[in-house]
Protein backbone atom coordinates (compact mmCIF):
# COMPACT_ATOMS: atom_id res chain seq x y z
CA MET A 1 0.93 14.81 -20.97
CA GLN A 2 2.20 12.14 -18.40
CA ILE A 3 5.89 11.70 -17.95
CA GLN A 4 6.57 8.26 -16.62
CA GLU A 5 10.14 7.18 -14.86
CA PRO A 6 10.99 3.76 -16.24
CA SER A 7 12.63 2.81 -12.97
CA SER A 8 9.87 3.95 -10.57
CA HIS A 9 6.41 3.59 -9.32
CA SER A 10 4.35 5.80 -7.26
CA PHE A 11 1.67 4.90 -4.71
CA ILE A 12 -0.87 6.77 -2.59
CA VAL A 13 -1.64 5.36 0.65
CA LYS A 14 -4.55 6.70 2.94
CA ILE A 15 -5.05 5.32 6.47
CA TRP A 16 -7.87 6.21 8.81
CA ALA A 17 -9.37 5.08 12.34
CA GLU A 18 -12.81 3.71 11.52
CA GLU A 19 -13.89 2.88 15.10
CA PHE A 20 -12.60 2.80 18.68
CA VAL A 21 -12.88 -0.51 20.60
CA PRO A 22 -13.10 0.60 24.48
CA ALA A 23 -12.65 -2.66 25.82
CA GLN A 24 -9.38 -3.31 23.76
CA HIS A 25 -8.30 0.48 24.14
CA GLN A 26 -7.49 0.64 20.44
CA ALA A 27 -8.94 1.74 17.25
CA VAL A 28 -9.76 -0.35 14.17
CA TRP A 29 -7.66 0.82 11.23
CA ARG A 30 -8.75 0.92 7.66
CA GLY A 31 -6.98 2.23 4.53
CA HIS A 32 -6.26 1.90 0.84
CA ILE A 33 -3.27 1.96 -1.27
CA THR A 34 -3.53 3.09 -5.10
CA HIS A 35 -1.05 2.41 -7.62
CA VAL A 36 -0.82 5.93 -9.45
CA GLY A 37 0.06 4.74 -12.84
CA SER A 38 -2.62 2.06 -13.28
CA GLY A 39 -5.34 3.31 -10.73
CA GLU A 40 -5.36 -0.15 -9.32
CA ARG A 41 -6.54 0.22 -5.55
CA ARG A 42 -6.62 -2.31 -2.57
CA TYR A 43 -8.47 -1.83 0.58
CA LEU A 44 -6.71 -2.99 3.65
CA GLN A 45 -7.16 -3.62 7.35
CA GLU A 46 -3.47 -4.67 8.16
CA LEU A 47 -0.37 -2.64 7.33
CA ASP A 48 1.45 -5.70 6.08
CA LYS A 49 -0.82 -5.74 2.93
CA ILE A 50 0.79 -2.54 1.83
CA ALA A 51 4.13 -4.23 1.22
CA GLU A 52 2.11 -7.10 -0.34
CA PHE A 53 0.70 -4.91 -2.91
CA ILE A 54 3.95 -3.05 -3.56
CA LYS A 55 6.06 -6.18 -3.90
CA PRO A 56 4.91 -7.20 -7.54
CA TYR A 57 5.77 -3.65 -8.98
CA MET A 58 9.27 -3.99 -7.27
CA GLN A 59 9.89 -7.26 -8.83
CA GLU A 60 8.75 -5.69 -12.22
CA LEU A 61 11.52 -3.24 -11.95
CA THR A 62 13.95 -6.26 -11.05
CA VAL A 63 14.40 -4.73 -7.54
CA PRO A 64 14.60 -7.93 -5.32
CA PRO A 65 12.26 -7.34 -2.32
CA GLU A 66 13.59 -7.51 1.16
CA GLU A 67 13.14 -10.92 2.66
CA ASN A 68 11.20 -9.52 5.74
CA ALA A 69 8.81 -7.06 3.81
């Protein structure tokens, strides 16, 4: 039995370092975000894509997203 809260959404975010680039002294990051209710998943290489994925769900709840998100 699944209980859904009508005014919320849940997400799972997983981020990992895939490789290290010695010349740049930094790691190449990868990840994915999953909407728990629908199972929709998006793979990403930029953290900004997390907010981009969540924004439509916020709008569905009639919560205006932040301007800089």
